Amino acid sequence: MYSVLHAVVPPVAKLVWRPTVTGLDNVPRTGAVLLASNHLSFADSLVIPIVAPRKVHFLAKSDYFRGGGIKGRLQKAWFEGMGMLPVDRDDPRAAIASLDTALEVLGRGDAFGLYPEGTRSRDGRLYRGRTGVAHLALTAGVPVVPVGITGTEKLQPVDARFPRVVPVSISFGEPIQVVGRYDGVPLGKARRQITDEIMTAIQALTSQEEAGIYNERAPDA
């Protein structure tokens, strides 16, 4: 399903929206890698796979995979075909399950995308990164490619049923290597330093104002 959708969706999307994409050469074509992005819209998890030079797995609400009837089956096929993996965000163990899923993907040598902020920014600022991204990078021993997205908050606002044609930019930064760089550093400190380095790289790509605090999930997000 992925090969079918990827042969059709990216060319059409690029023709309609004409996104500005830079730094594609920074994404390794093979091998396990994390793509860590800022998060402005639900559409981010579709935009990155559309423009990336390889398949990128993202997590999506399990609700999208449970619908009934023809619409539900088509929706499930769409999300699975785009490389999405279900996660129950209302489950108290969702955070641990998400990390386990990511490690499974990386263990297969695939690419996994995530948002260190945890949830989308509702005011356009860049929030402090949570250290799960560093945990994955250190545990799997993989590089992290910072990704900066701009414009997707206007592509499909929360109250919009359909995407709008607006300028969107996606920038892939140079991979951040973690293996061997933090030997001897206490694990908690290493995770914090790596995460801050990733967020600094993302900010350099987006020029977003830094909030300096963690972002909290809205009740309806």
N, C-alpha and C. Protein backbone atom coordinates (compact mmCIF):
# COMPACT_ATOMS: atom_id res chain seq x y z
N MET A 1 0.82 -1.21 0.00
CA MET A 1 0.00 0.00 0.00
C MET A 1 0.86 1.26 0.00
N TYR A 2 1.98 1.20 0.76
CA TYR A 2 2.85 2.38 0.81
C TYR A 2 3.37 2.74 -0.58
N SER A 3 3.85 1.74 -1.31
CA SER A 3 4.42 2.01 -2.62
C SER A 3 3.38 2.60 -3.57
N VAL A 4 2.13 2.14 -3.44
CA VAL A 4 1.06 2.66 -4.30
C VAL A 4 0.76 4.12 -3.95
N LEU A 5 0.53 4.39 -2.64
CA LEU A 5 0.22 5.75 -2.23
C LEU A 5 1.38 6.70 -2.49
N HIS A 6 2.60 6.23 -2.24
CA HIS A 6 3.75 7.11 -2.39
C HIS A 6 4.03 7.42 -3.86
N ALA A 7 3.55 6.57 -4.75
CA ALA A 7 3.72 6.84 -6.17
C ALA A 7 2.73 7.89 -6.67
N VAL A 8 1.64 8.08 -5.91
CA VAL A 8 0.58 8.99 -6.33
C VAL A 8 0.53 10.27 -5.49
N VAL A 9 0.51 10.12 -4.16
CA VAL A 9 0.28 11.27 -3.28
C VAL A 9 1.36 12.34 -3.35
N PRO A 10 2.65 12.00 -3.19
CA PRO A 10 3.67 13.06 -3.22
C PRO A 10 3.68 13.90 -4.50
N PRO A 11 3.64 13.28 -5.69
CA PRO A 11 3.65 14.11 -6.90
C PRO A 11 2.45 15.07 -6.97
N VAL A 12 1.28 14.57 -6.58
CA VAL A 12 0.08 15.42 -6.62
C VAL A 12 0.18 16.53 -5.59
N ALA A 13 0.59 16.17 -4.36
CA ALA A 13 0.71 17.17 -3.29
C ALA A 13 1.73 18.24 -3.65
N LYS A 14 2.86 17.84 -4.20
CA LYS A 14 3.89 18.80 -4.57
C LYS A 14 3.42 19.71 -5.70
N LEU A 15 2.62 19.16 -6.61
CA LEU A 15 2.11 19.95 -7.72
C LEU A 15 1.13 21.00 -7.22
N VAL A 16 0.29 20.63 -6.25
CA VAL A 16 -0.74 21.54 -5.74
C VAL A 16 -0.14 22.57 -4.78
N TRP A 17 0.63 22.10 -3.79
CA TRP A 17 1.12 22.99 -2.73
C TRP A 17 2.50 23.57 -3.01
N ARG A 18 3.26 22.93 -3.87
CA ARG A 18 4.60 23.39 -4.21
C ARG A 18 5.41 23.76 -2.96
N PRO A 19 5.62 22.82 -2.07
CA PRO A 19 6.38 23.11 -0.85
C PRO A 19 7.84 23.42 -1.15
N THR A 20 8.43 24.27 -0.34
CA THR A 20 9.85 24.56 -0.44
C THR A 20 10.59 23.56 0.45
N VAL A 21 11.46 22.76 -0.14
CA VAL A 21 12.15 21.71 0.60
C VAL A 21 13.65 21.90 0.47
N THR A 22 14.35 21.91 1.59
CA THR A 22 15.81 22.04 1.57
C THR A 22 16.44 20.96 2.46
N GLY A 23 17.67 20.61 2.14
CA GLY A 23 18.43 19.69 2.98
C GLY A 23 18.10 18.23 2.83
N LEU A 24 17.49 17.82 1.74
CA LEU A 24 17.15 16.41 1.57
C LEU A 24 18.37 15.51 1.64
N ASP A 25 19.52 16.03 1.23
CA ASP A 25 20.74 15.23 1.27
C ASP A 25 21.17 14.90 2.70
N ASN A 26 20.60 15.59 3.67
CA ASN A 26 20.94 15.32 5.07
C ASN A 26 20.23 14.09 5.63
N VAL A 27 19.25 13.58 4.89
CA VAL A 27 18.51 12.40 5.35
C VAL A 27 19.19 11.15 4.81
N PRO A 28 19.74 10.29 5.67
CA PRO A 28 20.38 9.06 5.18
C PRO A 28 19.37 8.23 4.40
N ARG A 29 19.78 7.71 3.27
CA ARG A 29 18.87 6.93 2.43
C ARG A 29 18.63 5.53 2.98
N THR A 30 19.54 5.03 3.79
CA THR A 30 19.40 3.71 4.40
C THR A 30 19.81 3.77 5.85
N GLY A 31 19.40 2.76 6.60
CA GLY A 31 19.78 2.67 8.00
C GLY A 31 18.81 3.39 8.91
N ALA A 32 18.81 2.99 10.16
CA ALA A 32 17.91 3.58 11.15
C ALA A 32 18.26 5.04 11.41
N VAL A 33 17.24 5.87 11.51
CA VAL A 33 17.44 7.30 11.76
C VAL A 33 16.18 7.89 12.39
N LEU A 34 16.37 8.88 13.24
CA LEU A 34 15.26 9.62 13.82
C LEU A 34 15.13 10.96 13.12
N LEU A 35 13.90 11.35 12.78
CA LEU A 35 13.63 12.67 12.26
C LEU A 35 12.85 13.42 13.33
N ALA A 36 13.48 14.44 13.92
CA ALA A 36 12.87 15.19 15.02
C ALA A 36 12.45 16.56 14.52
N SER A 37 11.16 16.83 14.58
CA SER A 37 10.61 18.05 13.99
C SER A 37 9.86 18.91 15.01
N ASN A 38 9.78 20.21 14.70
CA ASN A 38 8.82 21.04 15.41
C ASN A 38 7.43 20.62 14.99
N HIS A 39 6.41 21.10 15.70
CA HIS A 39 5.06 20.58 15.45
C HIS A 39 4.05 21.72 15.50
N LEU A 40 3.48 22.03 14.32
CA LEU A 40 2.53 23.13 14.21
C LEU A 40 1.13 22.69 13.84
N SER A 41 1.01 21.48 13.24
CA SER A 41 -0.29 21.07 12.72
C SER A 41 -0.37 19.55 12.60
N PHE A 42 -1.59 19.03 12.60
CA PHE A 42 -1.81 17.62 12.33
C PHE A 42 -1.18 17.23 11.00
N ALA A 43 -1.17 18.17 10.07
CA ALA A 43 -0.67 17.90 8.72
C ALA A 43 0.83 17.62 8.69
N ASP A 44 1.56 17.96 9.75
CA ASP A 44 3.02 17.75 9.75
C ASP A 44 3.37 16.29 9.49
N SER A 45 2.58 15.38 10.06
CA SER A 45 2.88 13.95 9.93
C SER A 45 2.59 13.42 8.53
N LEU A 46 1.97 14.22 7.71
CA LEU A 46 1.76 13.86 6.31
C LEU A 46 2.75 14.59 5.42
N VAL A 47 3.05 15.84 5.77
CA VAL A 47 3.96 16.65 4.96
C VAL A 47 5.36 16.05 4.93
N ILE A 48 5.86 15.65 6.10
CA ILE A 48 7.23 15.11 6.15
C ILE A 48 7.36 13.83 5.32
N PRO A 49 6.47 12.83 5.49
CA PRO A 49 6.58 11.64 4.64
C PRO A 49 6.43 11.93 3.15
N ILE A 50 5.64 12.94 2.81
CA ILE A 50 5.44 13.27 1.41
C ILE A 50 6.72 13.78 0.76
N VAL A 51 7.49 14.59 1.50
CA VAL A 51 8.68 15.19 0.90
C VAL A 51 9.97 14.42 1.20
N ALA A 52 9.95 13.55 2.21
CA ALA A 52 11.17 12.83 2.59
C ALA A 52 11.59 11.86 1.49
N PRO A 53 12.89 11.61 1.37
CA PRO A 53 13.39 10.71 0.32
C PRO A 53 13.25 9.23 0.66
N ARG A 54 12.65 8.91 1.80
CA ARG A 54 12.46 7.52 2.20
C ARG A 54 11.23 7.44 3.11
N LYS A 55 10.78 6.24 3.35
CA LYS A 55 9.60 6.03 4.20
C LYS A 55 9.89 6.44 5.63
N VAL A 56 9.00 7.24 6.20
CA VAL A 56 9.15 7.70 7.58
C VAL A 56 7.89 7.31 8.36
N HIS A 57 8.08 6.59 9.46
CA HIS A 57 6.96 6.19 10.30
C HIS A 57 6.67 7.26 11.36
N PHE A 58 5.40 7.58 11.51
CA PHE A 58 4.95 8.47 12.58
C PHE A 58 3.86 7.75 13.37
N LEU A 59 3.65 8.18 14.59
CA LEU A 59 2.55 7.67 15.38
C LEU A 59 1.30 8.50 15.10
N ALA A 60 0.14 7.84 15.13
CA ALA A 60 -1.14 8.52 14.94
C ALA A 60 -2.15 7.96 15.93
N LYS A 61 -3.13 8.76 16.27
CA LYS A 61 -4.15 8.31 17.22
C LYS A 61 -4.80 7.01 16.74
N SER A 62 -4.94 6.08 17.67
CA SER A 62 -5.51 4.78 17.31
C SER A 62 -6.93 4.89 16.78
N ASP A 63 -7.61 5.99 17.11
CA ASP A 63 -8.98 6.20 16.62
C ASP A 63 -9.04 6.17 15.10
N TYR A 64 -7.97 6.63 14.46
CA TYR A 64 -7.96 6.68 12.99
C TYR A 64 -7.93 5.29 12.36
N PHE A 65 -7.63 4.28 13.16
CA PHE A 65 -7.50 2.92 12.63
C PHE A 65 -8.70 2.04 13.01
N ARG A 66 -9.69 2.63 13.70
CA ARG A 66 -10.77 1.82 14.26
C ARG A 66 -12.13 2.06 13.61
N GLY A 67 -12.21 2.97 12.67
CA GLY A 67 -13.50 3.29 12.08
C GLY A 67 -14.13 2.12 11.37
N GLY A 68 -15.45 2.11 11.35
CA GLY A 68 -16.18 1.04 10.68
C GLY A 68 -16.64 1.44 9.29
N GLY A 69 -17.18 0.47 8.58
CA GLY A 69 -17.72 0.75 7.25
C GLY A 69 -16.63 1.02 6.23
N ILE A 70 -17.07 1.42 5.05
CA ILE A 70 -16.14 1.69 3.95
C ILE A 70 -15.22 2.86 4.30
N LYS A 71 -15.79 3.92 4.89
CA LYS A 71 -14.99 5.10 5.24
C LYS A 71 -13.90 4.71 6.23
N GLY A 72 -14.27 3.91 7.23
CA GLY A 72 -13.29 3.50 8.23
C GLY A 72 -12.18 2.67 7.65
N ARG A 73 -12.53 1.75 6.74
CA ARG A 73 -11.51 0.90 6.13
C ARG A 73 -10.58 1.72 5.23
N LEU A 74 -11.16 2.67 4.51
CA LEU A 74 -10.34 3.52 3.65
C LEU A 74 -9.41 4.40 4.47
N GLN A 75 -9.94 4.92 5.57
CA GLN A 75 -9.12 5.75 6.45
C GLN A 75 -7.96 4.96 7.03
N LYS A 76 -8.25 3.74 7.49
CA LYS A 76 -7.20 2.89 8.04
C LYS A 76 -6.16 2.58 6.98
N ALA A 77 -6.60 2.25 5.77
CA ALA A 77 -5.67 1.94 4.69
C ALA A 77 -4.81 3.15 4.35
N TRP A 78 -5.42 4.34 4.39
CA TRP A 78 -4.67 5.56 4.11
C TRP A 78 -3.55 5.77 5.12
N PHE A 79 -3.89 5.70 6.41
CA PHE A 79 -2.89 5.95 7.44
C PHE A 79 -1.81 4.87 7.44
N GLU A 80 -2.20 3.63 7.26
CA GLU A 80 -1.20 2.57 7.20
C GLU A 80 -0.32 2.73 5.96
N GLY A 81 -0.94 3.11 4.85
CA GLY A 81 -0.18 3.29 3.62
C GLY A 81 0.81 4.44 3.70
N MET A 82 0.52 5.43 4.56
CA MET A 82 1.42 6.56 4.72
C MET A 82 2.47 6.30 5.80
N GLY A 83 2.49 5.06 6.31
CA GLY A 83 3.51 4.70 7.28
C GLY A 83 3.16 5.01 8.72
N MET A 84 1.89 5.37 8.98
CA MET A 84 1.47 5.71 10.34
C MET A 84 1.31 4.45 11.18
N LEU A 85 1.59 4.59 12.48
CA LEU A 85 1.45 3.50 13.43
C LEU A 85 0.52 3.94 14.55
N PRO A 86 -0.45 3.10 14.94
CA PRO A 86 -1.44 3.52 15.94
C PRO A 86 -0.89 3.58 17.36
N VAL A 87 -1.36 4.57 18.11
CA VAL A 87 -1.04 4.67 19.54
C VAL A 87 -2.27 5.22 20.25
N ASP A 88 -2.60 4.62 21.39
CA ASP A 88 -3.75 5.05 22.19
C ASP A 88 -3.28 6.11 23.16
N ARG A 89 -3.52 7.37 22.83
CA ARG A 89 -2.99 8.47 23.63
C ARG A 89 -3.69 8.60 24.98
N ASP A 90 -4.84 7.95 25.14
CA ASP A 90 -5.55 8.01 26.41
C ASP A 90 -5.11 6.91 27.38
N ASP A 91 -4.29 6.01 26.90
CA ASP A 91 -3.76 4.94 27.74
C ASP A 91 -2.61 5.50 28.58
N PRO A 92 -2.64 5.31 29.91
CA PRO A 92 -1.56 5.82 30.77
C PRO A 92 -0.19 5.28 30.37
N ARG A 93 -0.19 4.13 29.70
CA ARG A 93 1.08 3.53 29.29
C ARG A 93 1.47 3.92 27.87
N ALA A 94 0.77 4.88 27.30
CA ALA A 94 0.99 5.25 25.90
C ALA A 94 2.42 5.72 25.65
N ALA A 95 2.98 6.49 26.58
CA ALA A 95 4.33 7.01 26.40
C ALA A 95 5.35 5.88 26.28
N ILE A 96 5.23 4.88 27.16
CA ILE A 96 6.15 3.75 27.12
C ILE A 96 5.93 2.93 25.85
N ALA A 97 4.65 2.73 25.50
CA ALA A 97 4.33 1.97 24.28
C ALA A 97 4.88 2.68 23.04
N SER A 98 4.83 4.01 23.04
CA SER A 98 5.33 4.77 21.90
C SER A 98 6.83 4.58 21.75
N LEU A 99 7.55 4.60 22.87
CA LEU A 99 9.00 4.40 22.82
C LEU A 99 9.33 2.99 22.32
N ASP A 100 8.56 2.01 22.80
CA ASP A 100 8.79 0.63 22.36
C ASP A 100 8.54 0.49 20.86
N THR A 101 7.48 1.13 20.37
CA THR A 101 7.18 1.07 18.94
C THR A 101 8.30 1.72 18.13
N ALA A 102 8.77 2.86 18.60
CA ALA A 102 9.86 3.55 17.91
C ALA A 102 11.11 2.68 17.85
N LEU A 103 11.43 2.01 18.96
CA LEU A 103 12.62 1.16 18.98
C LEU A 103 12.47 -0.03 18.04
N GLU A 104 11.26 -0.54 17.90
CA GLU A 104 11.02 -1.62 16.95
C GLU A 104 11.29 -1.15 15.52
N VAL A 105 10.80 0.05 15.19
CA VAL A 105 11.02 0.60 13.85
C VAL A 105 12.50 0.81 13.59
N LEU A 106 13.18 1.41 14.55
CA LEU A 106 14.62 1.66 14.40
C LEU A 106 15.40 0.35 14.34
N GLY A 107 14.93 -0.64 15.09
CA GLY A 107 15.61 -1.94 15.07
C GLY A 107 15.54 -2.61 13.72
N ARG A 108 14.54 -2.26 12.91
CA ARG A 108 14.43 -2.81 11.55
C ARG A 108 15.27 -2.01 10.56
N GLY A 109 15.91 -0.94 11.04
CA GLY A 109 16.71 -0.12 10.14
C GLY A 109 15.89 0.92 9.41
N ASP A 110 14.70 1.25 9.94
CA ASP A 110 13.82 2.21 9.28
C ASP A 110 13.93 3.60 9.90
N ALA A 111 13.22 4.55 9.31
CA ALA A 111 13.19 5.92 9.80
C ALA A 111 11.95 6.16 10.64
N PHE A 112 12.12 6.85 11.76
CA PHE A 112 11.00 7.15 12.65
C PHE A 112 10.96 8.65 12.90
N GLY A 113 9.77 9.24 12.74
CA GLY A 113 9.61 10.66 12.97
C GLY A 113 8.88 10.94 14.26
N LEU A 114 9.28 12.01 14.95
CA LEU A 114 8.62 12.37 16.20
C LEU A 114 8.78 13.85 16.46
N TYR A 115 8.01 14.31 17.45
CA TYR A 115 7.99 15.72 17.82
C TYR A 115 8.45 15.86 19.27
N PRO A 116 9.67 16.31 19.51
CA PRO A 116 10.15 16.44 20.88
C PRO A 116 9.30 17.34 21.77
N GLU A 117 8.57 18.29 21.16
CA GLU A 117 7.70 19.16 21.95
C GLU A 117 6.55 18.37 22.59
N GLY A 118 6.23 17.21 22.02
CA GLY A 118 5.18 16.37 22.59
C GLY A 118 3.83 16.57 21.96
N THR A 119 3.45 17.80 21.70
CA THR A 119 2.17 18.10 21.05
C THR A 119 2.35 19.38 20.25
N ARG A 120 1.39 19.68 19.39
CA ARG A 120 1.57 20.82 18.50
C ARG A 120 1.56 22.14 19.27
N SER A 121 2.31 23.09 18.74
CA SER A 121 2.33 24.43 19.31
C SER A 121 1.08 25.18 18.87
N ARG A 122 0.34 25.70 19.81
CA ARG A 122 -0.89 26.43 19.48
C ARG A 122 -0.66 27.93 19.31
N ASP A 123 0.54 28.39 19.63
CA ASP A 123 0.81 29.82 19.48
C ASP A 123 2.01 30.10 18.56
N GLY A 124 2.53 29.04 17.93
CA GLY A 124 3.62 29.22 16.98
C GLY A 124 5.01 29.24 17.59
N ARG A 125 5.09 29.26 18.92
CA ARG A 125 6.41 29.25 19.56
C ARG A 125 6.97 27.83 19.60
N LEU A 126 8.28 27.73 19.78
CA LEU A 126 8.95 26.44 19.89
C LEU A 126 9.13 26.12 21.37
N TYR A 127 8.53 25.01 21.78
CA TYR A 127 8.55 24.65 23.20
C TYR A 127 9.74 23.75 23.53
N ARG A 128 10.02 23.64 24.80
CA ARG A 128 11.16 22.85 25.25
C ARG A 128 10.96 21.38 24.87
N GLY A 129 12.04 20.74 24.44
CA GLY A 129 11.94 19.34 24.02
C GLY A 129 11.94 18.39 25.20
N ARG A 130 11.16 17.33 25.07
CA ARG A 130 11.16 16.26 26.06
C ARG A 130 12.22 15.24 25.67
N THR A 131 12.79 14.58 26.67
CA THR A 131 14.01 13.81 26.44
C THR A 131 13.79 12.42 25.84
N GLY A 132 12.57 12.09 25.47
CA GLY A 132 12.32 10.79 24.83
C GLY A 132 13.11 10.64 23.55
N VAL A 133 13.30 11.72 22.81
CA VAL A 133 14.06 11.66 21.56
C VAL A 133 15.51 11.26 21.83
N ALA A 134 16.08 11.80 22.91
CA ALA A 134 17.46 11.45 23.26
C ALA A 134 17.55 10.01 23.75
N HIS A 135 16.54 9.58 24.49
CA HIS A 135 16.50 8.19 24.96
C HIS A 135 16.53 7.24 23.77
N LEU A 136 15.74 7.52 22.76
CA LEU A 136 15.70 6.67 21.57
C LEU A 136 17.04 6.69 20.84
N ALA A 137 17.60 7.88 20.67
CA ALA A 137 18.85 8.00 19.93
C ALA A 137 19.97 7.24 20.63
N LEU A 138 20.04 7.35 21.96
CA LEU A 138 21.09 6.68 22.71
C LEU A 138 20.86 5.17 22.77
N THR A 139 19.61 4.77 22.99
CA THR A 139 19.30 3.34 23.11
C THR A 139 19.53 2.62 21.79
N ALA A 140 19.07 3.22 20.69
CA ALA A 140 19.20 2.58 19.38
C ALA A 140 20.54 2.89 18.71
N GLY A 141 21.26 3.90 19.23
CA GLY A 141 22.53 4.27 18.63
C GLY A 141 22.38 4.82 17.23
N VAL A 142 21.41 5.71 17.04
CA VAL A 142 21.12 6.23 15.70
C VAL A 142 21.28 7.74 15.65
N PRO A 143 21.53 8.29 14.46
CA PRO A 143 21.61 9.75 14.32
C PRO A 143 20.22 10.37 14.35
N VAL A 144 20.19 11.66 14.63
CA VAL A 144 18.94 12.43 14.65
C VAL A 144 19.03 13.54 13.62
N VAL A 145 18.09 13.57 12.70
CA VAL A 145 18.02 14.64 11.71
C VAL A 145 16.98 15.66 12.17
N PRO A 146 17.41 16.89 12.50
CA PRO A 146 16.44 17.91 12.90
C PRO A 146 15.64 18.38 11.68
N VAL A 147 14.36 18.60 11.89
CA VAL A 147 13.48 19.05 10.79
C VAL A 147 12.76 20.31 11.22
N GLY A 148 12.77 21.30 10.36
CA GLY A 148 12.05 22.55 10.64
C GLY A 148 10.94 22.77 9.64
N ILE A 149 9.73 22.92 10.15
CA ILE A 149 8.56 23.13 9.29
C ILE A 149 7.97 24.51 9.56
N THR A 150 7.59 25.20 8.52
CA THR A 150 6.86 26.46 8.66
C THR A 150 5.68 26.46 7.70
N GLY A 151 4.58 27.08 8.13
CA GLY A 151 3.41 27.25 7.28
C GLY A 151 2.31 26.24 7.45
N THR A 152 2.58 25.09 8.08
CA THR A 152 1.54 24.06 8.15
C THR A 152 0.39 24.43 9.09
N GLU A 153 0.63 25.39 9.99
CA GLU A 153 -0.46 25.83 10.86
C GLU A 153 -1.55 26.53 10.06
N LYS A 154 -1.18 27.02 8.88
CA LYS A 154 -2.16 27.65 7.99
C LYS A 154 -2.68 26.68 6.94
N LEU A 155 -1.96 25.58 6.77
CA LEU A 155 -2.37 24.57 5.77
C LEU A 155 -3.69 23.94 6.13
N GLN A 156 -3.81 23.53 7.38
CA GLN A 156 -5.07 22.95 7.84
C GLN A 156 -5.30 23.31 9.30
N PRO A 157 -5.82 24.52 9.56
CA PRO A 157 -6.10 24.93 10.94
C PRO A 157 -7.05 23.94 11.61
N VAL A 158 -7.11 24.00 12.92
CA VAL A 158 -7.92 23.05 13.68
C VAL A 158 -9.37 23.06 13.24
N ASP A 159 -9.91 24.22 12.85
CA ASP A 159 -11.32 24.32 12.49
C ASP A 159 -11.59 24.10 11.01
N ALA A 160 -10.55 23.75 10.24
CA ALA A 160 -10.72 23.58 8.79
C ALA A 160 -10.94 22.11 8.44
N ARG A 161 -11.91 21.83 7.58
CA ARG A 161 -12.20 20.45 7.16
C ARG A 161 -11.24 19.98 6.09
N PHE A 162 -10.78 20.91 5.25
CA PHE A 162 -9.93 20.54 4.13
C PHE A 162 -8.67 21.40 4.12
N PRO A 163 -7.57 20.85 3.60
CA PRO A 163 -6.32 21.62 3.51
C PRO A 163 -6.46 22.82 2.60
N ARG A 164 -5.71 23.86 2.91
CA ARG A 164 -5.69 25.06 2.09
C ARG A 164 -4.37 25.14 1.32
N VAL A 165 -4.38 25.86 0.23
CA VAL A 165 -3.16 26.04 -0.55
C VAL A 165 -2.41 27.25 0.01
N VAL A 166 -1.38 26.99 0.79
CA VAL A 166 -0.58 28.04 1.41
C VAL A 166 0.91 27.65 1.30
N PRO A 167 1.81 28.62 1.39
CA PRO A 167 3.24 28.31 1.32
C PRO A 167 3.68 27.46 2.52
N VAL A 168 4.36 26.39 2.25
CA VAL A 168 4.88 25.51 3.29
C VAL A 168 6.35 25.23 3.02
N SER A 169 7.16 25.28 4.06
CA SER A 169 8.58 25.01 3.92
C SER A 169 9.01 23.90 4.87
N ILE A 170 9.86 23.00 4.38
CA ILE A 170 10.40 21.92 5.20
C ILE A 170 11.91 21.90 5.01
N SER A 171 12.64 22.01 6.10
CA SER A 171 14.10 22.00 6.04
C SER A 171 14.65 20.85 6.88
N PHE A 172 15.54 20.08 6.28
CA PHE A 172 16.19 18.98 6.98
C PHE A 172 17.62 19.42 7.33
N GLY A 173 17.94 19.40 8.63
CA GLY A 173 19.26 19.83 9.06
C GLY A 173 20.28 18.70 9.03
N GLU A 174 21.51 19.04 9.33
CA GLU A 174 22.57 18.04 9.35
C GLU A 174 22.33 17.05 10.49
N PRO A 175 22.59 15.76 10.25
CA PRO A 175 22.38 14.73 11.28
C PRO A 175 23.21 15.01 12.53
N ILE A 176 22.60 14.78 13.66
CA ILE A 176 23.28 14.92 14.95
C ILE A 176 23.66 13.52 15.43
N GLN A 177 24.93 13.28 15.57
CA GLN A 177 25.43 11.97 16.00
C GLN A 177 25.54 11.95 17.52
N VAL A 178 25.12 10.87 18.14
CA VAL A 178 25.18 10.78 19.60
C VAL A 178 26.12 9.68 20.08
N VAL A 179 26.37 8.70 19.25
CA VAL A 179 27.18 7.56 19.66
C VAL A 179 28.60 8.00 19.99
N GLY A 180 29.05 7.66 21.19
CA GLY A 180 30.41 7.94 21.60
C GLY A 180 30.66 9.34 22.10
N ARG A 181 29.69 10.24 21.94
CA ARG A 181 29.91 11.64 22.34
C ARG A 181 29.63 11.89 23.81
N TYR A 182 28.88 11.01 24.43
CA TYR A 182 28.47 11.25 25.81
C TYR A 182 28.92 10.13 26.76
N ASP A 183 29.97 9.42 26.36
CA ASP A 183 30.52 8.39 27.23
C ASP A 183 31.00 9.02 28.53
N GLY A 184 30.58 8.44 29.65
CA GLY A 184 30.99 8.96 30.95
C GLY A 184 30.08 10.04 31.49
N VAL A 185 29.16 10.55 30.68
CA VAL A 185 28.22 11.58 31.14
C VAL A 185 27.02 10.89 31.77
N PRO A 186 26.59 11.31 32.97
CA PRO A 186 25.40 10.71 33.58
C PRO A 186 24.24 10.69 32.59
N LEU A 187 23.50 9.57 32.57
CA LEU A 187 22.48 9.38 31.54
C LEU A 187 21.46 10.50 31.48
N GLY A 188 20.96 10.91 32.62
CA GLY A 188 19.96 11.98 32.64
C GLY A 188 20.50 13.28 32.06
N LYS A 189 21.74 13.60 32.39
CA LYS A 189 22.36 14.82 31.87
C LYS A 189 22.59 14.70 30.37
N ALA A 190 23.02 13.51 29.92
CA ALA A 190 23.26 13.30 28.49
C ALA A 190 21.96 13.47 27.70
N ARG A 191 20.88 12.91 28.21
CA ARG A 191 19.59 13.04 27.51
C ARG A 191 19.17 14.50 27.39
N ARG A 192 19.36 15.25 28.47
CA ARG A 192 18.98 16.66 28.45
C ARG A 192 19.83 17.45 27.46
N GLN A 193 21.12 17.20 27.45
CA GLN A 193 22.02 17.92 26.55
C GLN A 193 21.72 17.60 25.09
N ILE A 194 21.48 16.33 24.80
CA ILE A 194 21.17 15.93 23.43
C ILE A 194 19.87 16.57 22.97
N THR A 195 18.86 16.52 23.83
CA THR A 195 17.57 17.09 23.49
C THR A 195 17.69 18.59 23.23
N ASP A 196 18.42 19.29 24.09
CA ASP A 196 18.60 20.73 23.90
C ASP A 196 19.35 21.03 22.59
N GLU A 197 20.31 20.18 22.25
CA GLU A 197 21.05 20.36 21.00
C GLU A 197 20.11 20.19 19.81
N ILE A 198 19.23 19.22 19.89
CA ILE A 198 18.26 18.98 18.81
C ILE A 198 17.32 20.16 18.67
N MET A 199 16.81 20.67 19.79
CA MET A 199 15.87 21.78 19.74
C MET A 199 16.54 23.05 19.22
N THR A 200 17.80 23.25 19.57
CA THR A 200 18.55 24.40 19.05
C THR A 200 18.69 24.31 17.54
N ALA A 201 18.94 23.09 17.04
CA ALA A 201 19.05 22.89 15.60
C ALA A 201 17.72 23.14 14.90
N ILE A 202 16.63 22.70 15.51
CA ILE A 202 15.30 22.93 14.93
C ILE A 202 15.00 24.43 14.89
N GLN A 203 15.32 25.12 15.98
CA GLN A 203 15.05 26.56 16.04
C GLN A 203 15.83 27.31 14.96
N ALA A 204 17.06 26.84 14.68
CA ALA A 204 17.87 27.48 13.64
C ALA A 204 17.23 27.31 12.26
N LEU A 205 16.45 26.25 12.08
CA LEU A 205 15.79 25.99 10.80
C LEU A 205 14.49 26.76 10.66
N THR A 206 13.83 27.05 11.78
CA THR A 206 12.50 27.68 11.73
C THR A 206 12.47 29.14 12.16
N SER A 207 13.47 29.56 12.94
CA SER A 207 13.52 30.92 13.51
C SER A 207 12.32 31.20 14.42
N GLN A 208 11.74 30.15 15.00
CA GLN A 208 10.63 30.34 15.92
C GLN A 208 11.09 30.97 17.23
N GLU A 209 10.21 31.71 17.85
CA GLU A 209 10.47 32.22 19.19
C GLU A 209 10.46 31.03 20.16
N GLU A 210 11.42 30.98 21.05
CA GLU A 210 11.49 29.88 22.01
C GLU A 210 10.63 30.19 23.23
N ALA A 211 9.76 29.26 23.58
CA ALA A 211 8.87 29.46 24.71
C ALA A 211 9.60 29.30 26.04
N GLY A 212 10.59 28.41 26.07
CA GLY A 212 11.35 28.21 27.30
C GLY A 212 10.68 27.33 28.32
N ILE A 213 9.51 26.77 27.97
CA ILE A 213 8.76 25.90 28.87
C ILE A 213 8.25 24.70 28.08
N TYR A 214 7.76 23.70 28.80
CA TYR A 214 7.18 22.54 28.13
C TYR A 214 5.78 22.88 27.62
N ASN A 215 5.40 22.27 26.53
CA ASN A 215 4.06 22.43 25.98
C ASN A 215 3.16 21.36 26.57
N GLU A 216 1.97 21.72 26.91
CA GLU A 216 1.02 20.78 27.47
C GLU A 216 -0.08 20.50 26.48
N ARG A 217 -0.50 19.26 26.41
CA ARG A 217 -1.55 18.85 25.47
C ARG A 217 -2.88 19.48 25.84
N ALA A 218 -3.54 20.10 24.85
CA ALA A 218 -4.86 20.66 25.07
C ALA A 218 -5.86 19.51 25.21
N PRO A 219 -6.97 19.73 25.96
CA PRO A 219 -7.96 18.67 26.16
C PRO A 219 -8.49 18.08 24.87
N ASP A 220 -8.58 18.89 23.80
CA ASP A 220 -9.15 18.40 22.53
C ASP A 220 -8.08 18.22 21.47
N ALA A 221 -6.78 18.24 21.85
CA ALA A 221 -5.71 18.13 20.85
C ALA A 221 -5.55 16.73 20.37
